Amino acid sequence: MSLENTSKNKKLLLGLLFDAIGMIPFIDLLWAPVSGYLMTKLYKGNTGKLAGIFAFVEEIIPGTDFIPSFTIMWFYTYVFSSETNTDETIIDVK
């Protein structure tokens, strides 16, 4: 399954869906490893691995289901990160 090349809008929608699934009570033991795996597939590199670990830990600990880890990672990647992760070409006109 290759989710790395998914567009940023699709990643946001998938993230919202995955966060909603993570809020379902009593599935934490099953969802924790799945969410960690999906996070590493959505976001490449070390940040994806760290986010996968965070997602796993957040889901396995009772009472932390309200944390939207996939949505937080999307905002980190596409809004707050200093790296340019878009496919858009920026032309500087002087």
PDB file of N, CA and C in Angstrom:
ATOM      1  N   MET A   1       0.850  -1.172   0.000  1.00  0.00           N
ATOM      2  CA  MET A   1       0.000   0.000   0.000  1.00  0.00           C
ATOM      3  C   MET A   1       0.893   1.231   0.000  1.00  0.00           C
ATOM      4  N   SER A   2       0.747   2.078  -1.009  1.00  0.00           N
ATOM      5  CA  SER A   2       1.556   3.278  -1.090  1.00  0.00           C
ATOM      6  C   SER A   2       0.665   4.506  -0.933  1.00  0.00           C
ATOM      7  N   LEU A   3       0.745   5.108   0.212  1.00  0.00           N
ATOM      8  CA  LEU A   3      -0.051   6.300   0.479  1.00  0.00           C
ATOM      9  C   LEU A   3       0.788   7.570   0.432  1.00  0.00           C
ATOM     10  N   GLU A   4       2.119   7.431   0.268  1.00  0.00           N
ATOM     11  CA  GLU A   4       3.006   8.591   0.291  1.00  0.00           C
ATOM     12  C   GLU A   4       2.700   9.579  -0.823  1.00  0.00           C
ATOM     13  N   ASN A   5       2.314   9.086  -1.993  1.00  0.00           N
ATOM     14  CA  ASN A   5       2.089   9.959  -3.142  1.00  0.00           C
ATOM     15  C   ASN A   5       0.657  10.476  -3.233  1.00  0.00           C
ATOM     16  N   THR A   6      -0.116  10.277  -2.198  1.00  0.00           N
ATOM     17  CA  THR A   6      -1.485  10.775  -2.153  1.00  0.00           C
ATOM     18  C   THR A   6      -1.461  12.298  -2.045  1.00  0.00           C
ATOM     19  N   SER A   7      -2.377  12.967  -2.711  1.00  0.00           N
ATOM     20  CA  SER A   7      -2.400  14.432  -2.671  1.00  0.00           C
ATOM     21  C   SER A   7      -2.664  14.915  -1.246  1.00  0.00           C
ATOM     22  N   LYS A   8      -2.297  16.174  -1.001  1.00  0.00           N
ATOM     23  CA  LYS A   8      -2.442  16.696   0.359  1.00  0.00           C
ATOM     24  C   LYS A   8      -3.904  16.782   0.776  1.00  0.00           C
ATOM     25  N   ASN A   9      -4.822  17.050  -0.147  1.00  0.00           N
ATOM     26  CA  ASN A   9      -6.244  17.096   0.208  1.00  0.00           C
ATOM     27  C   ASN A   9      -6.759  15.709   0.573  1.00  0.00           C
ATOM     28  N   LYS A  10      -6.333  14.691  -0.166  1.00  0.00           N
ATOM     29  CA  LYS A  10      -6.744  13.325   0.160  1.00  0.00           C
ATOM     30  C   LYS A  10      -6.142  12.888   1.489  1.00  0.00           C
ATOM     31  N   LYS A  11      -4.901  13.314   1.765  1.00  0.00           N
ATOM     32  CA  LYS A  11      -4.286  12.991   3.057  1.00  0.00           C
ATOM     33  C   LYS A  11      -5.061  13.622   4.206  1.00  0.00           C
ATOM     34  N   LEU A  12      -5.555  14.839   4.000  1.00  0.00           N
ATOM     35  CA  LEU A  12      -6.353  15.488   5.040  1.00  0.00           C
ATOM     36  C   LEU A  12      -7.643  14.713   5.277  1.00  0.00           C
ATOM     37  N   LEU A  13      -8.322  14.339   4.209  1.00  0.00           N
ATOM     38  CA  LEU A  13      -9.569  13.583   4.351  1.00  0.00           C
ATOM     39  C   LEU A  13      -9.319  12.217   4.998  1.00  0.00           C
ATOM     40  N   LEU A  14      -8.261  11.530   4.568  1.00  0.00           N
ATOM     41  CA  LEU A  14      -7.919  10.245   5.196  1.00  0.00           C
ATOM     42  C   LEU A  14      -7.578  10.445   6.670  1.00  0.00           C
ATOM     43  N   GLY A  15      -6.837  11.509   6.969  1.00  0.00           N
ATOM     44  CA  GLY A  15      -6.475  11.796   8.352  1.00  0.00           C
ATOM     45  C   GLY A  15      -7.690  12.047   9.228  1.00  0.00           C
ATOM     46  N   LEU A  16      -8.645  12.800   8.709  1.00  0.00           N
ATOM     47  CA  LEU A  16      -9.875  13.047   9.466  1.00  0.00           C
ATOM     48  C   LEU A  16     -10.641  11.749   9.693  1.00  0.00           C
ATOM     49  N   LEU A  17     -10.682  10.903   8.669  1.00  0.00           N
ATOM     50  CA  LEU A  17     -11.339   9.606   8.803  1.00  0.00           C
ATOM     51  C   LEU A  17     -10.625   8.736   9.833  1.00  0.00           C
ATOM     52  N   PHE A  18      -9.304   8.671   9.750  1.00  0.00           N
ATOM     53  CA  PHE A  18      -8.533   7.845  10.685  1.00  0.00           C
ATOM     54  C   PHE A  18      -8.651   8.372  12.113  1.00  0.00           C
ATOM     55  N   ASP A  19      -8.674   9.696  12.281  1.00  0.00           N
ATOM     56  CA  ASP A  19      -8.868  10.260  13.622  1.00  0.00           C
ATOM     57  C   ASP A  19     -10.254   9.908  14.156  1.00  0.00           C
ATOM     58  N   ALA A  20     -11.260   9.919  13.278  1.00  0.00           N
ATOM     59  CA  ALA A  20     -12.616   9.552  13.704  1.00  0.00           C
ATOM     60  C   ALA A  20     -12.682   8.087  14.112  1.00  0.00           C
ATOM     61  N   ILE A  21     -12.016   7.227  13.361  1.00  0.00           N
ATOM     62  CA  ILE A  21     -11.976   5.803  13.721  1.00  0.00           C
ATOM     63  C   ILE A  21     -11.309   5.633  15.081  1.00  0.00           C
ATOM     64  N   GLY A  22     -10.262   6.391  15.320  1.00  0.00           N
ATOM     65  CA  GLY A  22      -9.539   6.297  16.579  1.00  0.00           C
ATOM     66  C   GLY A  22     -10.347   6.727  17.786  1.00  0.00           C
ATOM     67  N   MET A  23     -11.435   7.427  17.572  1.00  0.00           N
ATOM     68  CA  MET A  23     -12.273   7.876  18.684  1.00  0.00           C
ATOM     69  C   MET A  23     -13.342   6.853  19.074  1.00  0.00           C
ATOM     70  N   ILE A  24     -13.445   5.777  18.315  1.00  0.00           N
ATOM     71  CA  ILE A  24     -14.427   4.734  18.642  1.00  0.00           C
ATOM     72  C   ILE A  24     -13.950   4.004  19.900  1.00  0.00           C
ATOM     73  N   PRO A  25     -14.793   3.925  20.906  1.00  0.00           N
ATOM     74  CA  PRO A  25     -14.378   3.283  22.160  1.00  0.00           C
ATOM     75  C   PRO A  25     -14.086   1.787  21.984  1.00  0.00           C
ATOM     76  N   PHE A  26     -13.176   1.314  22.787  1.00  0.00           N
ATOM     77  CA  PHE A  26     -12.868  -0.114  22.948  1.00  0.00           C
ATOM     78  C   PHE A  26     -12.182  -0.773  21.750  1.00  0.00           C
ATOM     79  N   ILE A  27     -11.670  -0.011  20.794  1.00  0.00           N
ATOM     80  CA  ILE A  27     -10.917  -0.648  19.710  1.00  0.00           C
ATOM     81  C   ILE A  27      -9.441  -0.261  19.760  1.00  0.00           C
ATOM     82  N   ASP A  28      -9.018   0.335  20.868  1.00  0.00           N
ATOM     83  CA  ASP A  28      -7.660   0.854  20.974  1.00  0.00           C
ATOM     84  C   ASP A  28      -6.587  -0.199  20.721  1.00  0.00           C
ATOM     85  N   LEU A  29      -6.741  -1.367  21.272  1.00  0.00           N
ATOM     86  CA  LEU A  29      -5.716  -2.401  21.099  1.00  0.00           C
ATOM     87  C   LEU A  29      -5.572  -2.828  19.645  1.00  0.00           C
ATOM     88  N   LEU A  30      -6.653  -2.806  18.916  1.00  0.00           N
ATOM     89  CA  LEU A  30      -6.591  -3.157  17.494  1.00  0.00           C
ATOM     90  C   LEU A  30      -6.167  -1.973  16.631  1.00  0.00           C
ATOM     91  N   TRP A  31      -6.649  -0.790  16.965  1.00  0.00           N
ATOM     92  CA  TRP A  31      -6.403   0.380  16.135  1.00  0.00           C
ATOM     93  C   TRP A  31      -5.005   0.967  16.331  1.00  0.00           C
ATOM     94  N   ALA A  32      -4.417   0.829  17.493  1.00  0.00           N
ATOM     95  CA  ALA A  32      -3.107   1.447  17.772  1.00  0.00           C
ATOM     96  C   ALA A  32      -2.033   1.014  16.767  1.00  0.00           C
ATOM     97  N   PRO A  33      -1.807  -0.279  16.540  1.00  0.00           N
ATOM     98  CA  PRO A  33      -0.778  -0.650  15.563  1.00  0.00           C
ATOM     99  C   PRO A  33      -1.157  -0.271  14.129  1.00  0.00           C
ATOM    100  N   VAL A  34      -2.440  -0.339  13.819  1.00  0.00           N
ATOM    101  CA  VAL A  34      -2.886   0.033  12.474  1.00  0.00           C
ATOM    102  C   VAL A  34      -2.648   1.521  12.232  1.00  0.00           C
ATOM    103  N   SER A  35      -2.974   2.346  13.209  1.00  0.00           N
ATOM    104  CA  SER A  35      -2.792   3.791  13.038  1.00  0.00           C
ATOM    105  C   SER A  35      -1.310   4.151  12.924  1.00  0.00           C
ATOM    106  N   GLY A  36      -0.470   3.489  13.693  1.00  0.00           N
ATOM    107  CA  GLY A  36       0.962   3.730  13.576  1.00  0.00           C
ATOM    108  C   GLY A  36       1.482   3.369  12.192  1.00  0.00           C
ATOM    109  N   TYR A  37       1.031   2.229  11.684  1.00  0.00           N
ATOM    110  CA  TYR A  37       1.440   1.787  10.350  1.00  0.00           C
ATOM    111  C   TYR A  37       0.947   2.755   9.276  1.00  0.00           C
ATOM    112  N   LEU A  38      -0.318   3.148   9.360  1.00  0.00           N
ATOM    113  CA  LEU A  38      -0.877   4.064   8.362  1.00  0.00           C
ATOM    114  C   LEU A  38      -0.167   5.414   8.370  1.00  0.00           C
ATOM    115  N   MET A  39       0.206   5.875   9.560  1.00  0.00           N
ATOM    116  CA  MET A  39       0.911   7.153   9.652  1.00  0.00           C
ATOM    117  C   MET A  39       2.254   7.083   8.914  1.00  0.00           C
ATOM    118  N   THR A  40       2.968   5.962   9.076  1.00  0.00           N
ATOM    119  CA  THR A  40       4.255   5.831   8.382  1.00  0.00           C
ATOM    120  C   THR A  40       4.082   5.716   6.880  1.00  0.00           C
ATOM    121  N   LYS A  41       2.931   5.237   6.442  1.00  0.00           N
ATOM    122  CA  LYS A  41       2.676   5.140   5.004  1.00  0.00           C
ATOM    123  C   LYS A  41       2.213   6.468   4.409  1.00  0.00           C
ATOM    124  N   LEU A  42       1.538   7.278   5.192  1.00  0.00           N
ATOM    125  CA  LEU A  42       1.086   8.579   4.702  1.00  0.00           C
ATOM    126  C   LEU A  42       2.225   9.590   4.623  1.00  0.00           C
ATOM    127  N   TYR A  43       3.149   9.537   5.576  1.00  0.00           N
ATOM    128  CA  TYR A  43       4.215  10.534   5.661  1.00  0.00           C
ATOM    129  C   TYR A  43       5.562   9.830   5.686  1.00  0.00           C
ATOM    130  N   LYS A  44       6.411  10.154   4.736  1.00  0.00           N
ATOM    131  CA  LYS A  44       7.684   9.459   4.579  1.00  0.00           C
ATOM    132  C   LYS A  44       8.767  10.022   5.507  1.00  0.00           C
ATOM    133  N   GLY A  45       9.842   9.297   5.584  1.00  0.00           N
ATOM    134  CA  GLY A  45      11.021   9.746   6.316  1.00  0.00           C
ATOM    135  C   GLY A  45      10.908   9.606   7.821  1.00  0.00           C
ATOM    136  N   ASN A  46      11.828  10.262   8.483  1.00  0.00           N
ATOM    137  CA  ASN A  46      11.886  10.191   9.947  1.00  0.00           C
ATOM    138  C   ASN A  46      10.674  10.835  10.610  1.00  0.00           C
ATOM    139  N   THR A  47      10.135  11.901  10.008  1.00  0.00           N
ATOM    140  CA  THR A  47       8.954  12.522  10.607  1.00  0.00           C
ATOM    141  C   THR A  47       7.765  11.573  10.562  1.00  0.00           C
ATOM    142  N   GLY A  48       7.638  10.814   9.487  1.00  0.00           N
ATOM    143  CA  GLY A  48       6.567   9.822   9.402  1.00  0.00           C
ATOM    144  C   GLY A  48       6.741   8.710  10.418  1.00  0.00           C
ATOM    145  N   LYS A  49       7.988   8.292  10.632  1.00  0.00           N
ATOM    146  CA  LYS A  49       8.263   7.245  11.628  1.00  0.00           C
ATOM    147  C   LYS A  49       7.958   7.746  13.039  1.00  0.00           C
ATOM    148  N   LEU A  50       8.390   8.966  13.339  1.00  0.00           N
ATOM    149  CA  LEU A  50       8.104   9.536  14.664  1.00  0.00           C
ATOM    150  C   LEU A  50       6.609   9.745  14.859  1.00  0.00           C
ATOM    151  N   ALA A  51       5.933  10.196  13.816  1.00  0.00           N
ATOM    152  CA  ALA A  51       4.482  10.377  13.906  1.00  0.00           C
ATOM    153  C   ALA A  51       3.779   9.038  14.075  1.00  0.00           C
ATOM    154  N   GLY A  52       4.310   7.994  13.439  1.00  0.00           N
ATOM    155  CA  GLY A  52       3.745   6.655  13.603  1.00  0.00           C
ATOM    156  C   GLY A  52       3.871   6.159  15.029  1.00  0.00           C
ATOM    157  N   ILE A  53       5.014   6.413  15.637  1.00  0.00           N
ATOM    158  CA  ILE A  53       5.210   6.039  17.039  1.00  0.00           C
ATOM    159  C   ILE A  53       4.261   6.831  17.928  1.00  0.00           C
ATOM    160  N   PHE A  54       4.146   8.138  17.662  1.00  0.00           N
ATOM    161  CA  PHE A  54       3.239   8.979  18.437  1.00  0.00           C
ATOM    162  C   PHE A  54       1.795   8.490  18.302  1.00  0.00           C
ATOM    163  N   ALA A  55       1.380   8.175  17.058  1.00  0.00           N
ATOM    164  CA  ALA A  55       0.007   7.705  16.830  1.00  0.00           C
ATOM    165  C   ALA A  55      -0.252   6.405  17.578  1.00  0.00           C
ATOM    166  N   PHE A  56       0.719   5.497  17.549  1.00  0.00           N
ATOM    167  CA  PHE A  56       0.573   4.234  18.263  1.00  0.00           C
ATOM    168  C   PHE A  56       0.411   4.478  19.761  1.00  0.00           C
ATOM    169  N   VAL A  57       1.301   5.267  20.336  1.00  0.00           N
ATOM    170  CA  VAL A  57       1.271   5.538  21.779  1.00  0.00           C
ATOM    171  C   VAL A  57      -0.013   6.264  22.161  1.00  0.00           C
ATOM    172  N   GLU A  58      -0.404   7.242  21.341  1.00  0.00           N
ATOM    173  CA  GLU A  58      -1.626   8.005  21.628  1.00  0.00           C
ATOM    174  C   GLU A  58      -2.860   7.111  21.615  1.00  0.00           C
ATOM    175  N   GLU A  59      -2.901   6.159  20.716  1.00  0.00           N
ATOM    176  CA  GLU A  59      -4.063   5.270  20.627  1.00  0.00           C
ATOM    177  C   GLU A  59      -4.058   4.184  21.696  1.00  0.00           C
ATOM    178  N   ILE A  60      -2.898   3.743  22.117  1.00  0.00           N
ATOM    179  CA  ILE A  60      -2.822   2.636  23.084  1.00  0.00           C
ATOM    180  C   ILE A  60      -3.105   3.104  24.508  1.00  0.00           C
ATOM    181  N   ILE A  61      -2.874   4.407  24.785  1.00  0.00           N
ATOM    182  CA  ILE A  61      -3.109   4.942  26.132  1.00  0.00           C
ATOM    183  C   ILE A  61      -4.584   5.322  26.268  1.00  0.00           C
ATOM    184  N   PRO A  62      -5.282   4.751  27.234  1.00  0.00           N
ATOM    185  CA  PRO A  62      -6.704   5.082  27.421  1.00  0.00           C
ATOM    186  C   PRO A  62      -6.896   6.566  27.757  1.00  0.00           C
ATOM    187  N   GLY A  63      -7.941   7.138  27.205  1.00  0.00           N
ATOM    188  CA  GLY A  63      -8.273   8.527  27.510  1.00  0.00           C
ATOM    189  C   GLY A  63      -7.632   9.557  26.603  1.00  0.00           C
ATOM    190  N   THR A  64      -6.827   9.123  25.646  1.00  0.00           N
ATOM    191  CA  THR A  64      -6.170  10.078  24.752  1.00  0.00           C
ATOM    192  C   THR A  64      -6.740  10.029  23.338  1.00  0.00           C
ATOM    193  N   ASP A  65      -7.878   9.392  23.177  1.00  0.00           N
ATOM    194  CA  ASP A  65      -8.473   9.239  21.850  1.00  0.00           C
ATOM    195  C   ASP A  65      -8.889  10.561  21.220  1.00  0.00           C
ATOM    196  N   PHE A  66      -9.056  11.579  22.009  1.00  0.00           N
ATOM    197  CA  PHE A  66      -9.505  12.867  21.488  1.00  0.00           C
ATOM    198  C   PHE A  66      -8.402  13.607  20.726  1.00  0.00           C
ATOM    199  N   ILE A  67      -7.155  13.185  20.844  1.00  0.00           N
ATOM    200  CA  ILE A  67      -6.040  13.855  20.162  1.00  0.00           C
ATOM    201  C   ILE A  67      -6.066  13.472  18.683  1.00  0.00           C
ATOM    202  N   PRO A  68      -6.203  14.448  17.783  1.00  0.00           N
ATOM    203  CA  PRO A  68      -6.273  14.142  16.347  1.00  0.00           C
ATOM    204  C   PRO A  68      -4.873  14.044  15.725  1.00  0.00           C
ATOM    205  N   SER A  69      -4.185  12.957  15.981  1.00  0.00           N
ATOM    206  CA  SER A  69      -2.786  12.843  15.576  1.00  0.00           C
ATOM    207  C   SER A  69      -2.581  12.929  14.063  1.00  0.00           C
ATOM    208  N   PHE A  70      -3.477  12.356  13.267  1.00  0.00           N
ATOM    209  CA  PHE A  70      -3.335  12.433  11.809  1.00  0.00           C
ATOM    210  C   PHE A  70      -3.528  13.860  11.316  1.00  0.00           C
ATOM    211  N   THR A  71      -4.490  14.567  11.893  1.00  0.00           N
ATOM    212  CA  THR A  71      -4.734  15.952  11.498  1.00  0.00           C
ATOM    213  C   THR A  71      -3.585  16.853  11.942  1.00  0.00           C
ATOM    214  N   ILE A  72      -3.061  16.621  13.112  1.00  0.00           N
ATOM    215  CA  ILE A  72      -1.902  17.388  13.593  1.00  0.00           C
ATOM    216  C   ILE A  72      -0.714  17.185  12.652  1.00  0.00           C
ATOM    217  N   MET A  73      -0.479  15.948  12.234  1.00  0.00           N
ATOM    218  CA  MET A  73       0.636  15.668  11.327  1.00  0.00           C
ATOM    219  C   MET A  73       0.414  16.332   9.972  1.00  0.00           C
ATOM    220  N   TRP A  74      -0.811  16.371   9.497  1.00  0.00           N
ATOM    221  CA  TRP A  74      -1.100  17.045   8.232  1.00  0.00           C
ATOM    222  C   TRP A  74      -0.769  18.531   8.340  1.00  0.00           C
ATOM    223  N   PHE A  75      -1.218  19.172   9.424  1.00  0.00           N
ATOM    224  CA  PHE A  75      -0.911  20.594   9.616  1.00  0.00           C
ATOM    225  C   PHE A  75       0.584  20.817   9.752  1.00  0.00           C
ATOM    226  N   TYR A  76       1.267  19.937  10.472  1.00  0.00           N
ATOM    227  CA  TYR A  76       2.720  20.069  10.597  1.00  0.00           C
ATOM    228  C   TYR A  76       3.379  19.992   9.227  1.00  0.00           C
ATOM    229  N   THR A  77       2.956  19.032   8.418  1.00  0.00           N
ATOM    230  CA  THR A  77       3.589  18.808   7.121  1.00  0.00           C
ATOM    231  C   THR A  77       3.281  19.910   6.120  1.00  0.00           C
ATOM    232  N   TYR A  78       2.038  20.334   6.014  1.00  0.00           N
ATOM    233  CA  TYR A  78       1.635  21.234   4.943  1.00  0.00           C
ATOM    234  C   TYR A  78       1.426  22.687   5.358  1.00  0.00           C
ATOM    235  N   VAL A  79       1.401  22.988   6.643  1.00  0.00           N
ATOM    236  CA  VAL A  79       1.188  24.375   7.067  1.00  0.00           C
ATOM    237  C   VAL A  79       2.406  24.922   7.812  1.00  0.00           C
ATOM    238  N   PHE A  80       2.917  24.154   8.788  1.00  0.00           N
ATOM    239  CA  PHE A  80       3.962  24.678   9.666  1.00  0.00           C
ATOM    240  C   PHE A  80       5.380  24.288   9.288  1.00  0.00           C
ATOM    241  N   SER A  81       5.573  23.283   8.454  1.00  0.00           N
ATOM    242  CA  SER A  81       6.910  22.823   8.117  1.00  0.00           C
ATOM    243  C   SER A  81       7.612  23.843   7.228  1.00  0.00           C
ATOM    244  N   SER A  82       8.910  24.005   7.444  1.00  0.00           N
ATOM    245  CA  SER A  82       9.685  24.947   6.645  1.00  0.00           C
ATOM    246  C   SER A  82      10.062  24.357   5.295  1.00  0.00           C
ATOM    247  N   GLU A  83       9.955  23.042   5.140  1.00  0.00           N
ATOM    248  CA  GLU A  83      10.242  22.406   3.861  1.00  0.00           C
ATOM    249  C   GLU A  83       9.070  22.620   2.922  1.00  0.00           C
ATOM    250  N   THR A  84       9.353  22.774   1.638  1.00  0.00           N
ATOM    251  CA  THR A  84       8.277  22.914   0.666  1.00  0.00           C
ATOM    252  C   THR A  84       7.880  21.529   0.203  1.00  0.00           C
ATOM    253  N   ASN A  85       6.642  21.155   0.493  1.00  0.00           N
ATOM    254  CA  ASN A  85       6.142  19.832   0.155  1.00  0.00           C
ATOM    255  C   ASN A  85       5.043  19.884  -0.898  1.00  0.00           C
ATOM    256  N   THR A  86       4.965  20.961  -1.622  1.00  0.00           N
ATOM    257  CA  THR A  86       3.898  21.062  -2.603  1.00  0.00           C
ATOM    258  C   THR A  86       4.446  20.818  -3.998  1.00  0.00           C
ATOM    259  N   ASP A  87       3.578  20.511  -4.913  1.00  0.00           N
ATOM    260  CA  ASP A  87       3.960  20.301  -6.294  1.00  0.00           C
ATOM    261  C   ASP A  87       3.835  21.585  -7.104  1.00  0.00           C
ATOM    262  N   GLU A  88       3.465  22.666  -6.457  1.00  0.00           N
ATOM    263  CA  GLU A  88       3.254  23.925  -7.139  1.00  0.00           C
ATOM    264  C   GLU A  88       4.594  24.567  -7.465  1.00  0.00           C
ATOM    265  N   THR A  89       4.646  25.237  -8.604  1.00  0.00           N
ATOM    266  CA  THR A  89       5.838  25.966  -9.004  1.00  0.00           C
ATOM    267  C   THR A  89       5.617  27.433  -8.671  1.00  0.00           C
ATOM    268  N   ILE A  90       6.566  28.013  -7.961  1.00  0.00           N
ATOM    269  CA  ILE A  90       6.462  29.418  -7.588  1.00  0.00           C
ATOM    270  C   ILE A  90       7.426  30.202  -8.476  1.00  0.00           C
ATOM    271  N   ILE A  91       6.882  31.184  -9.148  1.00  0.00           N
ATOM    272  CA  ILE A  91       7.696  32.032 -10.044  1.00  0.00           C
ATOM    273  C   ILE A  91       7.793  33.401  -9.399  1.00  0.00           C
ATOM    274  N   ASP A  92       9.033  33.833  -9.144  1.00  0.00           N
ATOM    275  CA  ASP A  92       9.249  35.136  -8.538  1.00  0.00           C
ATOM    276  C   ASP A  92       9.347  36.171  -9.642  1.00  0.00           C
ATOM    277  N   VAL A  93       8.423  37.109  -9.664  1.00  0.00           N
ATOM    278  CA  VAL A  93       8.407  38.153 -10.676  1.00  0.00           C
ATOM    279  C   VAL A  93       8.797  39.458 -10.009  1.00  0.00           C
ATOM    280  N   LYS A  94       9.850  40.073 -10.533  1.00  0.00           N
ATOM    281  CA  LYS A  94      10.333  41.335  -9.944  1.00  0.00           C
ATOM    282  C   LYS A  94      10.021  42.497 -10.814  1.00  0.00           C
TER     283      LYS A  94
END
